[in-house]
Amino acid sequence: MTTRPEDRDIDVMDVRTLVPAERHRRIFELVGSLVAGEAFILVNDHDPKPLYYQLEAEYPEQFSWDYLERGPEVWRVEIGKRAEAA
């Protein structure tokens, strides 16, 4: 059975209101604070794929990245720390 994000208690970080210079810093802080099995939903006004590559470089194979919505105005991505990364 697949658990949908709306069926569980999960933090949402909407970065659309943040200035671009603050976005990645805040996201990296949150990613760095995740414990194994935890996740959050990132909401953005553009495809955050470059962030995926940055996270993969910083935390190789330690997180999951699942698109929940792919624009054209809003992108939602569930980012989680893999259990095996602990």
PDB file of N, CA and C in Angstrom:
ATOM      1  N   MET A   1       0.835  -1.184   0.000  1.00  0.00           N
ATOM      2  CA  MET A   1       0.000   0.000   0.000  1.00  0.00           C
ATOM      3  C   MET A   1       0.877   1.243   0.000  1.00  0.00           C
ATOM      4  N   THR A   2       0.579   2.191  -0.843  1.00  0.00           N
ATOM      5  CA  THR A   2       1.322   3.433  -0.910  1.00  0.00           C
ATOM      6  C   THR A   2       0.649   4.473  -0.029  1.00  0.00           C
ATOM      7  N   THR A   3       1.446   5.132   0.789  1.00  0.00           N
ATOM      8  CA  THR A   3       0.919   6.200   1.629  1.00  0.00           C
ATOM      9  C   THR A   3       1.090   7.517   0.889  1.00  0.00           C
ATOM     10  N   ARG A   4       0.005   8.204   0.689  1.00  0.00           N
ATOM     11  CA  ARG A   4       0.075   9.489   0.025  1.00  0.00           C
ATOM     12  C   ARG A   4       0.478  10.551   1.039  1.00  0.00           C
ATOM     13  N   PRO A   5       1.217  11.588   0.612  1.00  0.00           N
ATOM     14  CA  PRO A   5       1.639  12.626   1.547  1.00  0.00           C
ATOM     15  C   PRO A   5       0.483  13.252   2.311  1.00  0.00           C
ATOM     16  N   GLU A   6      -0.666  13.389   1.661  1.00  0.00           N
ATOM     17  CA  GLU A   6      -1.799  14.010   2.346  1.00  0.00           C
ATOM     18  C   GLU A   6      -2.390  13.102   3.423  1.00  0.00           C
ATOM     19  N   ASP A   7      -1.977  11.826   3.464  1.00  0.00           N
ATOM     20  CA  ASP A   7      -2.471  10.892   4.469  1.00  0.00           C
ATOM     21  C   ASP A   7      -1.588  10.828   5.713  1.00  0.00           C
ATOM     22  N   ARG A   8      -0.481  11.549   5.721  1.00  0.00           N
ATOM     23  CA  ARG A   8       0.409  11.503   6.877  1.00  0.00           C
ATOM     24  C   ARG A   8       0.847  12.909   7.245  1.00  0.00           C
ATOM     25  N   ASP A   9       1.380  13.028   8.437  1.00  0.00           N
ATOM     26  CA  ASP A   9       1.839  14.313   8.931  1.00  0.00           C
ATOM     27  C   ASP A   9       3.223  14.583   8.364  1.00  0.00           C
ATOM     28  N   ILE A  10       3.325  15.529   7.463  1.00  0.00           N
ATOM     29  CA  ILE A  10       4.599  15.823   6.810  1.00  0.00           C
ATOM     30  C   ILE A  10       4.734  17.335   6.678  1.00  0.00           C
ATOM     31  N   ASP A  11       5.937  17.838   6.958  1.00  0.00           N
ATOM     32  CA  ASP A  11       6.191  19.270   6.856  1.00  0.00           C
ATOM     33  C   ASP A  11       6.185  19.714   5.402  1.00  0.00           C
ATOM     34  N   VAL A  12       5.728  20.943   5.197  1.00  0.00           N
ATOM     35  CA  VAL A  12       5.726  21.542   3.863  1.00  0.00           C
ATOM     36  C   VAL A  12       6.573  22.804   3.934  1.00  0.00           C
ATOM     37  N   MET A  13       7.540  22.919   3.031  1.00  0.00           N
ATOM     38  CA  MET A  13       8.342  24.136   2.926  1.00  0.00           C
ATOM     39  C   MET A  13       8.006  24.800   1.605  1.00  0.00           C
ATOM     40  N   ASP A  14       7.300  25.905   1.685  1.00  0.00           N
ATOM     41  CA  ASP A  14       6.928  26.668   0.498  1.00  0.00           C
ATOM     42  C   ASP A  14       7.937  27.799   0.355  1.00  0.00           C
ATOM     43  N   VAL A  15       8.814  27.693  -0.623  1.00  0.00           N
ATOM     44  CA  VAL A  15       9.874  28.682  -0.782  1.00  0.00           C
ATOM     45  C   VAL A  15       9.516  29.785  -1.772  1.00  0.00           C
ATOM     46  N   ARG A  16       8.303  29.769  -2.270  1.00  0.00           N
ATOM     47  CA  ARG A  16       7.921  30.757  -3.274  1.00  0.00           C
ATOM     48  C   ARG A  16       7.976  32.182  -2.755  1.00  0.00           C
ATOM     49  N   THR A  17       7.807  32.377  -1.460  1.00  0.00           N
ATOM     50  CA  THR A  17       7.812  33.731  -0.904  1.00  0.00           C
ATOM     51  C   THR A  17       9.205  34.168  -0.445  1.00  0.00           C
ATOM     52  N   LEU A  18      10.174  33.255  -0.470  1.00  0.00           N
ATOM     53  CA  LEU A  18      11.533  33.598  -0.053  1.00  0.00           C
ATOM     54  C   LEU A  18      12.311  34.199  -1.216  1.00  0.00           C
ATOM     55  N   VAL A  19      13.227  35.094  -0.898  1.00  0.00           N
ATOM     56  CA  VAL A  19      14.099  35.622  -1.948  1.00  0.00           C
ATOM     57  C   VAL A  19      14.989  34.477  -2.419  1.00  0.00           C
ATOM     58  N   PRO A  20      15.312  34.437  -3.700  1.00  0.00           N
ATOM     59  CA  PRO A  20      16.094  33.312  -4.230  1.00  0.00           C
ATOM     60  C   PRO A  20      17.372  33.012  -3.452  1.00  0.00           C
ATOM     61  N   ALA A  21      18.057  34.015  -2.960  1.00  0.00           N
ATOM     62  CA  ALA A  21      19.304  33.785  -2.230  1.00  0.00           C
ATOM     63  C   ALA A  21      19.087  32.996  -0.933  1.00  0.00           C
ATOM     64  N   GLU A  22      17.897  33.049  -0.379  1.00  0.00           N
ATOM     65  CA  GLU A  22      17.583  32.342   0.874  1.00  0.00           C
ATOM     66  C   GLU A  22      17.098  30.918   0.656  1.00  0.00           C
ATOM     67  N   ARG A  23      16.581  30.639  -0.509  1.00  0.00           N
ATOM     68  CA  ARG A  23      15.904  29.355  -0.747  1.00  0.00           C
ATOM     69  C   ARG A  23      16.800  28.153  -0.485  1.00  0.00           C
ATOM     70  N   HIS A  24      17.925  28.075  -1.157  1.00  0.00           N
ATOM     71  CA  HIS A  24      18.771  26.886  -1.018  1.00  0.00           C
ATOM     72  C   HIS A  24      19.333  26.747   0.387  1.00  0.00           C
ATOM     73  N   ARG A  25      19.694  27.854   1.020  1.00  0.00           N
ATOM     74  CA  ARG A  25      20.202  27.781   2.389  1.00  0.00           C
ATOM     75  C   ARG A  25      19.166  27.167   3.314  1.00  0.00           C
ATOM     76  N   ARG A  26      17.933  27.624   3.218  1.00  0.00           N
ATOM     77  CA  ARG A  26      16.864  27.103   4.083  1.00  0.00           C
ATOM     78  C   ARG A  26      16.573  25.635   3.780  1.00  0.00           C
ATOM     79  N   ILE A  27      16.569  25.283   2.498  1.00  0.00           N
ATOM     80  CA  ILE A  27      16.307  23.889   2.110  1.00  0.00           C
ATOM     81  C   ILE A  27      17.420  22.987   2.630  1.00  0.00           C
ATOM     82  N   PHE A  28      18.674  23.403   2.468  1.00  0.00           N
ATOM     83  CA  PHE A  28      19.795  22.584   2.939  1.00  0.00           C
ATOM     84  C   PHE A  28      19.764  22.435   4.458  1.00  0.00           C
ATOM     85  N   GLU A  29      19.349  23.471   5.180  1.00  0.00           N
ATOM     86  CA  GLU A  29      19.210  23.361   6.635  1.00  0.00           C
ATOM     87  C   GLU A  29      18.190  22.288   6.992  1.00  0.00           C
ATOM     88  N   LEU A  30      17.061  22.303   6.295  1.00  0.00           N
ATOM     89  CA  LEU A  30      16.014  21.323   6.578  1.00  0.00           C
ATOM     90  C   LEU A  30      16.459  19.912   6.200  1.00  0.00           C
ATOM     91  N   VAL A  31      17.064  19.764   5.040  1.00  0.00           N
ATOM     92  CA  VAL A  31      17.555  18.449   4.622  1.00  0.00           C
ATOM     93  C   VAL A  31      18.572  17.922   5.630  1.00  0.00           C
ATOM     94  N   GLY A  32      19.464  18.788   6.085  1.00  0.00           N
ATOM     95  CA  GLY A  32      20.483  18.396   7.042  1.00  0.00           C
ATOM     96  C   GLY A  32      19.926  17.974   8.386  1.00  0.00           C
ATOM     97  N   SER A  33      18.734  18.445   8.722  1.00  0.00           N
ATOM     98  CA  SER A  33      18.128  18.113  10.016  1.00  0.00           C
ATOM     99  C   SER A  33      17.249  16.861   9.973  1.00  0.00           C
ATOM    100  N   LEU A  34      17.004  16.320   8.776  1.00  0.00           N
ATOM    101  CA  LEU A  34      16.157  15.133   8.669  1.00  0.00           C
ATOM    102  C   LEU A  34      16.825  13.921   9.299  1.00  0.00           C
ATOM    103  N   VAL A  35      16.022  13.112   9.960  1.00  0.00           N
ATOM    104  CA  VAL A  35      16.511  11.820  10.434  1.00  0.00           C
ATOM    105  C   VAL A  35      16.003  10.761   9.460  1.00  0.00           C
ATOM    106  N   ALA A  36      16.612   9.601   9.500  1.00  0.00           N
ATOM    107  CA  ALA A  36      16.247   8.525   8.578  1.00  0.00           C
ATOM    108  C   ALA A  36      14.747   8.279   8.591  1.00  0.00           C
ATOM    109  N   GLY A  37      14.154   8.234   7.424  1.00  0.00           N
ATOM    110  CA  GLY A  37      12.728   7.982   7.281  1.00  0.00           C
ATOM    111  C   GLY A  37      11.876   9.240   7.263  1.00  0.00           C
ATOM    112  N   GLU A  38      12.429  10.384   7.623  1.00  0.00           N
ATOM    113  CA  GLU A  38      11.675  11.639   7.600  1.00  0.00           C
ATOM    114  C   GLU A  38      11.696  12.245   6.211  1.00  0.00           C
ATOM    115  N   ALA A  39      10.703  13.073   5.943  1.00  0.00           N
ATOM    116  CA  ALA A  39      10.609  13.746   4.648  1.00  0.00           C
ATOM    117  C   ALA A  39       9.875  15.070   4.823  1.00  0.00           C
ATOM    118  N   PHE A  40       9.973  15.892   3.806  1.00  0.00           N
ATOM    119  CA  PHE A  40       9.180  17.121   3.751  1.00  0.00           C
ATOM    120  C   PHE A  40       8.788  17.348   2.301  1.00  0.00           C
ATOM    121  N   ILE A  41       7.828  18.226   2.100  1.00  0.00           N
ATOM    122  CA  ILE A  41       7.400  18.571   0.745  1.00  0.00           C
ATOM    123  C   ILE A  41       7.889  19.975   0.439  1.00  0.00           C
ATOM    124  N   LEU A  42       8.621  20.087  -0.643  1.00  0.00           N
ATOM    125  CA  LEU A  42       9.104  21.371  -1.128  1.00  0.00           C
ATOM    126  C   LEU A  42       8.116  21.899  -2.153  1.00  0.00           C
ATOM    127  N   VAL A  43       7.699  23.152  -1.993  1.00  0.00           N
ATOM    128  CA  VAL A  43       6.809  23.803  -2.945  1.00  0.00           C
ATOM    129  C   VAL A  43       7.588  24.957  -3.561  1.00  0.00           C
ATOM    130  N   ASN A  44       7.628  24.994  -4.896  1.00  0.00           N
ATOM    131  CA  ASN A  44       8.432  25.989  -5.585  1.00  0.00           C
ATOM    132  C   ASN A  44       7.678  26.509  -6.804  1.00  0.00           C
ATOM    133  N   ASP A  45       8.160  27.643  -7.343  1.00  0.00           N
ATOM    134  CA  ASP A  45       7.515  28.244  -8.512  1.00  0.00           C
ATOM    135  C   ASP A  45       8.192  27.850  -9.822  1.00  0.00           C
ATOM    136  N   HIS A  46       9.191  26.972  -9.738  1.00  0.00           N
ATOM    137  CA  HIS A  46       9.857  26.451 -10.938  1.00  0.00           C
ATOM    138  C   HIS A  46      10.380  25.056 -10.609  1.00  0.00           C
ATOM    139  N   ASP A  47      10.743  24.333 -11.635  1.00  0.00           N
ATOM    140  CA  ASP A  47      11.267  22.979 -11.434  1.00  0.00           C
ATOM    141  C   ASP A  47      12.563  23.058 -10.632  1.00  0.00           C
ATOM    142  N   PRO A  48      12.619  22.430  -9.459  1.00  0.00           N
ATOM    143  CA  PRO A  48      13.813  22.512  -8.623  1.00  0.00           C
ATOM    144  C   PRO A  48      14.888  21.483  -8.971  1.00  0.00           C
ATOM    145  N   LYS A  49      14.894  20.974 -10.185  1.00  0.00           N
ATOM    146  CA  LYS A  49      15.848  19.940 -10.586  1.00  0.00           C
ATOM    147  C   LYS A  49      17.308  20.312 -10.301  1.00  0.00           C
ATOM    148  N   PRO A  50      17.744  21.577 -10.512  1.00  0.00           N
ATOM    149  CA  PRO A  50      19.131  21.905 -10.148  1.00  0.00           C
ATOM    150  C   PRO A  50      19.417  21.644  -8.660  1.00  0.00           C
ATOM    151  N   LEU A  51      18.429  21.838  -7.818  1.00  0.00           N
ATOM    152  CA  LEU A  51      18.580  21.542  -6.392  1.00  0.00           C
ATOM    153  C   LEU A  51      18.833  20.054  -6.188  1.00  0.00           C
ATOM    154  N   TYR A  52      18.163  19.220  -6.953  1.00  0.00           N
ATOM    155  CA  TYR A  52      18.376  17.779  -6.861  1.00  0.00           C
ATOM    156  C   TYR A  52      19.864  17.461  -7.056  1.00  0.00           C
ATOM    157  N   TYR A  53      20.463  18.043  -8.078  1.00  0.00           N
ATOM    158  CA  TYR A  53      21.875  17.770  -8.363  1.00  0.00           C
ATOM    159  C   TYR A  53      22.783  18.285  -7.241  1.00  0.00           C
ATOM    160  N   GLN A  54      22.437  19.429  -6.664  1.00  0.00           N
ATOM    161  CA  GLN A  54      23.214  19.947  -5.539  1.00  0.00           C
ATOM    162  C   GLN A  54      23.099  19.029  -4.328  1.00  0.00           C
ATOM    163  N   LEU A  55      21.889  18.582  -4.035  1.00  0.00           N
ATOM    164  CA  LEU A  55      21.695  17.675  -2.901  1.00  0.00           C
ATOM    165  C   LEU A  55      22.420  16.355  -3.126  1.00  0.00           C
ATOM    166  N   GLU A  56      22.361  15.852  -4.337  1.00  0.00           N
ATOM    167  CA  GLU A  56      23.029  14.586  -4.642  1.00  0.00           C
ATOM    168  C   GLU A  56      24.542  14.721  -4.490  1.00  0.00           C
ATOM    169  N   ALA A  57      25.086  15.876  -4.834  1.00  0.00           N
ATOM    170  CA  ALA A  57      26.522  16.102  -4.672  1.00  0.00           C
ATOM    171  C   ALA A  57      26.898  16.197  -3.193  1.00  0.00           C
ATOM    172  N   GLU A  58      26.040  16.831  -2.400  1.00  0.00           N
ATOM    173  CA  GLU A  58      26.312  17.013  -0.972  1.00  0.00           C
ATOM    174  C   GLU A  58      26.002  15.763  -0.150  1.00  0.00           C
ATOM    175  N   TYR A  59      24.927  15.070  -0.506  1.00  0.00           N
ATOM    176  CA  TYR A  59      24.460  13.883   0.232  1.00  0.00           C
ATOM    177  C   TYR A  59      24.259  12.729  -0.750  1.00  0.00           C
ATOM    178  N   PRO A  60      25.314  12.167  -1.313  1.00  0.00           N
ATOM    179  CA  PRO A  60      25.154  11.140  -2.355  1.00  0.00           C
ATOM    180  C   PRO A  60      24.316   9.945  -1.894  1.00  0.00           C
ATOM    181  N   GLU A  61      23.267   9.675  -2.667  1.00  0.00           N
ATOM    182  CA  GLU A  61      22.385   8.519  -2.458  1.00  0.00           C
ATOM    183  C   GLU A  61      21.796   8.439  -1.050  1.00  0.00           C
ATOM    184  N   GLN A  62      21.645   9.592  -0.379  1.00  0.00           N
ATOM    185  CA  GLN A  62      21.117   9.608   0.981  1.00  0.00           C
ATOM    186  C   GLN A  62      19.686  10.106   1.072  1.00  0.00           C
ATOM    187  N   PHE A  63      19.120  10.585  -0.025  1.00  0.00           N
ATOM    188  CA  PHE A  63      17.766  11.117   0.055  1.00  0.00           C
ATOM    189  C   PHE A  63      16.916  10.639  -1.115  1.00  0.00           C
ATOM    190  N   SER A  64      15.615  10.715  -0.914  1.00  0.00           N
ATOM    191  CA  SER A  64      14.669  10.398  -1.995  1.00  0.00           C
ATOM    192  C   SER A  64      14.148  11.714  -2.565  1.00  0.00           C
ATOM    193  N   TRP A  65      13.688  11.653  -3.792  1.00  0.00           N
ATOM    194  CA  TRP A  65      13.202  12.843  -4.510  1.00  0.00           C
ATOM    195  C   TRP A  65      12.018  12.384  -5.355  1.00  0.00           C
ATOM    196  N   ASP A  66      10.807  12.743  -4.956  1.00  0.00           N
ATOM    197  CA  ASP A  66       9.614  12.299  -5.671  1.00  0.00           C
ATOM    198  C   ASP A  66       8.737  13.491  -6.029  1.00  0.00           C
ATOM    199  N   TYR A  67       8.557  13.705  -7.336  1.00  0.00           N
ATOM    200  CA  TYR A  67       7.675  14.778  -7.776  1.00  0.00           C
ATOM    201  C   TYR A  67       6.233  14.421  -7.430  1.00  0.00           C
ATOM    202  N   LEU A  68       5.536  15.370  -6.829  1.00  0.00           N
ATOM    203  CA  LEU A  68       4.110  15.224  -6.541  1.00  0.00           C
ATOM    204  C   LEU A  68       3.287  16.081  -7.502  1.00  0.00           C
ATOM    205  N   GLU A  69       3.887  17.162  -7.978  1.00  0.00           N
ATOM    206  CA  GLU A  69       3.238  18.066  -8.934  1.00  0.00           C
ATOM    207  C   GLU A  69       4.336  18.702  -9.774  1.00  0.00           C
ATOM    208  N   ARG A  70       4.106  18.776 -11.094  1.00  0.00           N
ATOM    209  CA  ARG A  70       5.134  19.269 -12.017  1.00  0.00           C
ATOM    210  C   ARG A  70       4.651  20.450 -12.837  1.00  0.00           C
ATOM    211  N   GLY A  71       4.339  21.538 -12.176  1.00  0.00           N
ATOM    212  CA  GLY A  71       4.022  22.790 -12.858  1.00  0.00           C
ATOM    213  C   GLY A  71       2.750  22.758 -13.679  1.00  0.00           C
ATOM    214  N   PRO A  72       2.523  23.762 -14.457  1.00  0.00           N
ATOM    215  CA  PRO A  72       3.483  24.762 -14.898  1.00  0.00           C
ATOM    216  C   PRO A  72       3.680  25.927 -13.921  1.00  0.00           C
ATOM    217  N   GLU A  73       2.811  26.084 -12.938  1.00  0.00           N
ATOM    218  CA  GLU A  73       2.960  27.206 -12.012  1.00  0.00           C
ATOM    219  C   GLU A  73       3.517  26.790 -10.658  1.00  0.00           C
ATOM    220  N   VAL A  74       3.245  25.568 -10.246  1.00  0.00           N
ATOM    221  CA  VAL A  74       3.692  25.087  -8.940  1.00  0.00           C
ATOM    222  C   VAL A  74       4.333  23.711  -9.103  1.00  0.00           C
ATOM    223  N   TRP A  75       5.463  23.544  -8.459  1.00  0.00           N
ATOM    224  CA  TRP A  75       6.126  22.240  -8.385  1.00  0.00           C
ATOM    225  C   TRP A  75       6.135  21.819  -6.924  1.00  0.00           C
ATOM    226  N   ARG A  76       5.790  20.571  -6.675  1.00  0.00           N
ATOM    227  CA  ARG A  76       5.830  20.004  -5.325  1.00  0.00           C
ATOM    228  C   ARG A  76       6.666  18.730  -5.395  1.00  0.00           C
ATOM    229  N   VAL A  77       7.668  18.667  -4.506  1.00  0.00           N
ATOM    230  CA  VAL A  77       8.578  17.524  -4.478  1.00  0.00           C
ATOM    231  C   VAL A  77       8.684  17.037  -3.036  1.00  0.00           C
ATOM    232  N   GLU A  78       8.516  15.747  -2.855  1.00  0.00           N
ATOM    233  CA  GLU A  78       8.755  15.163  -1.533  1.00  0.00           C
ATOM    234  C   GLU A  78      10.223  14.759  -1.475  1.00  0.00           C
ATOM    235  N   ILE A  79      10.929  15.318  -0.498  1.00  0.00           N
ATOM    236  CA  ILE A  79      12.354  15.037  -0.295  1.00  0.00           C
ATOM    237  C   ILE A  79      12.468  14.337   1.050  1.00  0.00           C
ATOM    238  N   GLY A  80      13.102  13.187   1.055  1.00  0.00           N
ATOM    239  CA  GLY A  80      13.215  12.433   2.301  1.00  0.00           C
ATOM    240  C   GLY A  80      14.604  11.860   2.499  1.00  0.00           C
ATOM    241  N   LYS A  81      14.920  11.561   3.744  1.00  0.00           N
ATOM    242  CA  LYS A  81      16.194  10.920   4.048  1.00  0.00           C
ATOM    243  C   LYS A  81      15.968   9.419   4.070  1.00  0.00           C
ATOM    244  N   ARG A  82      16.718   8.714   3.261  1.00  0.00           N
ATOM    245  CA  ARG A  82      16.577   7.259   3.171  1.00  0.00           C
ATOM    246  C   ARG A  82      16.980   6.605   4.486  1.00  0.00           C
ATOM    247  N   ALA A  83      16.292   5.535   4.829  1.00  0.00           N
ATOM    248  CA  ALA A  83      16.596   4.797   6.060  1.00  0.00           C
ATOM    249  C   ALA A  83      18.009   4.242   6.021  1.00  0.00           C
ATOM    250  N   GLU A  84      18.448   3.788   4.849  1.00  0.00           N
ATOM    251  CA  GLU A  84      19.783   3.202   4.748  1.00  0.00           C
ATOM    252  C   GLU A  84      20.886   4.248   4.836  1.00  0.00           C
ATOM    253  N   ALA A  85      20.513   5.545   4.823  1.00  0.00           N
ATOM    254  CA  ALA A  85      21.503   6.625   4.927  1.00  0.00           C
ATOM    255  C   ALA A  85      21.879   6.897   6.378  1.00  0.00           C
ATOM    256  N   ALA A  86      21.166   6.296   7.299  1.00  0.00           N
ATOM    257  CA  ALA A  86      21.403   6.578   8.731  1.00  0.00           C
ATOM    258  C   ALA A  86      22.700   5.974   9.213  1.00  0.00           C
TER     259      ALA A  86
END
